[in-house]
């Protein structure tokens, strides 16, 4: 079975809401007994629908609640420049997410730091050392309207 039925969707939605739920609690939530739920979750993992299970951390408590979206232009559109940036970003702790995008910019990063001063340090000392960057434009988050990492889940035949 490569598709998703309504029970699979219910399981994925429940796990996306709270992956810390026990198998017994999950079974009750989706109206199945624990054994079929266990088997379905195992299959969903094997088929790659569930990539990993992670904790959602509190940015305020971890002193990194200053969030910026950073748009980056490469100096030149070369494989070497793109590879240099992607490899560097993978090792920068402040970068929570990074996407290669289309449009006026080449990459979009979500950056977590403690303050504007720390963001300035990030831009000047970390991003400034990357010679592949031709331009950088920042937008600062004033408040989160809808957060999380949830994606829409639907039946797939």
Protein backbone atom coordinates (compact mmCIF):
# COMPACT_ATOMS: atom_id res chain seq x y z
CA UNK A 1 0.00 0.00 0.00
CA UNK A 2 1.60 3.27 -1.11
CA UNK A 3 -1.31 5.64 -0.58
CA UNK A 4 -2.86 7.12 2.52
CA UNK A 5 -6.33 6.29 3.76
CA UNK A 6 -8.40 8.23 6.29
CA UNK A 7 -6.90 6.36 9.26
CA UNK A 8 -3.35 7.06 8.04
CA UNK A 9 -4.26 10.74 7.69
CA UNK A 10 -5.73 10.77 11.20
CA UNK A 11 -2.55 9.18 12.57
CA UNK A 12 -0.29 11.64 10.76
CA UNK A 13 -2.34 14.62 11.92
CA UNK A 14 -2.30 13.39 15.51
CA UNK A 15 1.45 12.77 15.46
CA UNK A 16 2.08 16.15 13.85
CA UNK A 17 0.12 17.73 16.70
CA UNK A 18 1.93 15.74 19.40
CA UNK A 19 4.51 13.09 18.51
CA UNK A 20 5.05 12.37 22.22
CA UNK A 21 1.72 10.54 22.45
CA UNK A 22 1.83 6.85 23.42
CA UNK A 23 0.68 4.20 20.98
CA UNK A 24 -2.30 3.47 23.24
CA UNK A 25 -3.30 7.17 23.33
CA UNK A 26 -2.84 7.44 19.57
CA UNK A 27 -5.01 4.37 19.01
CA UNK A 28 -7.81 5.87 21.13
CA UNK A 29 -7.53 9.17 19.27
CA UNK A 30 -7.90 7.56 15.82
CA UNK A 31 -10.44 4.92 16.94
CA UNK A 32 -8.34 1.82 16.27
CA UNK A 33 -6.78 -0.76 18.54
CA UNK A 34 -3.09 -0.35 19.45
CA UNK A 35 -1.68 -3.16 17.26
CA UNK A 36 -2.99 -1.83 13.91
CA UNK A 37 -1.88 1.69 14.89
CA UNK A 38 1.60 0.41 15.71
CA UNK A 39 1.78 -1.36 12.33
CA UNK A 40 0.50 1.70 10.46
CA UNK A 41 3.03 4.00 12.15
CA UNK A 42 5.81 1.53 11.32
CA UNK A 43 4.68 1.44 7.67
CA UNK A 44 4.37 5.24 7.50
CA UNK A 45 7.98 5.50 8.75
CA UNK A 46 9.24 2.85 6.32
CA UNK A 47 7.51 4.55 3.39
CA UNK A 48 9.00 7.92 4.35
CA UNK A 49 5.80 9.75 5.30
CA UNK A 50 7.31 10.24 8.76
CA UNK A 51 10.85 11.51 8.26
CA UNK A 52 11.75 12.01 11.91
CA UNK A 53 10.29 12.88 15.28
CA UNK A 54 11.53 16.10 16.89
CA UNK A 55 10.78 18.35 19.85
CA UNK A 56 9.52 21.90 19.27
CA UNK A 57 11.61 24.10 21.55
CA UNK A 58 10.74 27.43 23.16
CA UNK A 59 12.85 30.16 21.55
CA UNK A 60 12.17 32.59 24.42
CA UNK A 61 13.46 30.18 27.06
CA UNK A 62 16.55 29.46 24.93
CA UNK A 63 17.31 33.19 24.49
CA UNK A 64 16.95 33.15 20.72
CA UNK A 65 13.58 34.83 20.22
CA UNK A 66 14.87 37.54 17.87
CA UNK A 67 13.91 36.05 14.51
CA UNK A 68 14.95 37.39 11.12
CA UNK A 69 14.28 36.26 7.59
CA UNK A 70 17.40 36.83 5.57
CA UNK A 71 17.24 36.94 1.77
CA UNK A 72 20.56 36.27 0.06
CA UNK A 73 21.80 36.95 -3.46
CA UNK A 74 24.87 35.17 -4.72
CA UNK A 75 27.67 37.23 -6.29
CA UNK A 76 27.43 35.04 -9.35
CA UNK A 77 25.18 32.13 -10.17
CA UNK A 78 27.81 29.43 -10.16
CA UNK A 79 27.77 25.92 -8.80
CA UNK A 80 30.76 26.76 -6.60
CA UNK A 81 29.08 29.80 -5.00
CA UNK A 82 25.84 27.93 -4.35
CA UNK A 83 27.71 24.93 -2.92
CA UNK A 84 29.87 27.18 -0.71
CA UNK A 85 26.79 28.88 0.72
CA UNK A 86 24.85 25.65 1.26
CA UNK A 87 27.77 23.95 3.00
CA UNK A 88 28.41 27.00 5.20
CA UNK A 89 24.75 27.33 6.20
CA UNK A 90 24.69 23.70 7.30
CA UNK A 91 27.28 24.58 9.94
CA UNK A 92 25.81 27.88 11.18
CA UNK A 93 23.95 27.30 14.42
CA UNK A 94 21.83 30.46 14.16
CA UNK A 95 20.21 29.33 10.89
CA UNK A 96 17.08 27.35 11.68
CA UNK A 97 15.94 26.90 8.08
CA UNK A 98 17.35 27.68 4.65
CA UNK A 99 15.74 27.37 1.23
CA UNK A 100 17.05 27.80 -2.30
CA UNK A 101 14.37 30.02 -3.86
CA UNK A 102 13.41 31.60 -7.17
CA UNK A 103 12.87 35.29 -7.80
CA UNK A 104 15.03 38.28 -6.94
CA UNK A 105 17.00 36.33 -4.31
CA UNK A 106 18.69 32.96 -4.34
CA UNK A 107 18.27 31.80 -0.74
CA UNK A 108 15.98 32.47 2.20
CA UNK A 109 17.15 31.78 5.73
CA UNK A 110 15.30 31.88 9.03
CA UNK A 111 17.75 33.09 11.66
CA UNK A 112 17.37 32.83 15.45
CA UNK A 113 19.46 35.07 17.72
CA UNK A 114 19.01 36.83 21.05
CA UNK A 115 18.98 40.47 19.92
CA UNK A 116 19.53 43.00 17.14
CA UNK A 117 23.14 43.30 18.31
CA UNK A 118 23.58 39.54 17.90
CA UNK A 119 21.98 39.70 14.45
CA UNK A 120 24.44 42.43 13.49
CA UNK A 121 27.27 40.16 14.65
CA UNK A 122 25.77 37.30 12.64
CA UNK A 123 25.58 39.42 9.46
CA UNK A 124 29.01 41.02 9.79
CA UNK A 125 31.09 38.22 11.27
CA UNK A 126 29.47 35.08 9.91
CA UNK A 127 27.72 36.00 6.66
CA UNK A 128 30.26 38.73 5.91
CA UNK A 129 33.03 36.15 5.75
CA UNK A 130 31.30 34.31 2.91
CA UNK A 131 32.78 35.70 -0.29
CA UNK A 132 30.04 34.08 -2.40
CA UNK A 133 27.36 36.50 -1.13
CA UNK A 134 26.56 39.47 -3.36
CA UNK A 135 23.65 40.89 -1.34
CA UNK A 136 21.65 40.35 1.81
CA UNK A 137 18.24 41.74 2.81
CA UNK A 138 16.72 41.22 6.26
CA UNK A 139 13.18 41.26 7.60
CA UNK A 140 12.51 41.03 11.33
CA UNK A 141 9.65 39.13 12.93
CA UNK A 142 7.51 41.35 15.16
CA UNK A 143 5.13 38.57 16.17
CA UNK A 144 4.22 35.05 15.15
CA UNK A 145 0.72 34.67 13.73
CA UNK A 146 0.88 30.97 12.87
CA UNK A 147 3.89 28.88 13.67
CA UNK A 148 4.98 25.32 13.79
CA UNK A 149 6.14 22.84 11.27
CA UNK A 150 2.81 21.30 10.35
CA UNK A 151 1.99 20.52 6.75
CA UNK A 152 -1.40 19.71 5.24
CA UNK A 153 -2.22 16.00 5.24
CA UNK A 154 -4.84 14.42 2.97
CA UNK A 155 -5.91 11.04 1.61
CA UNK A 156 -3.71 9.87 -1.27
CA UNK A 157 -4.89 7.06 -3.51
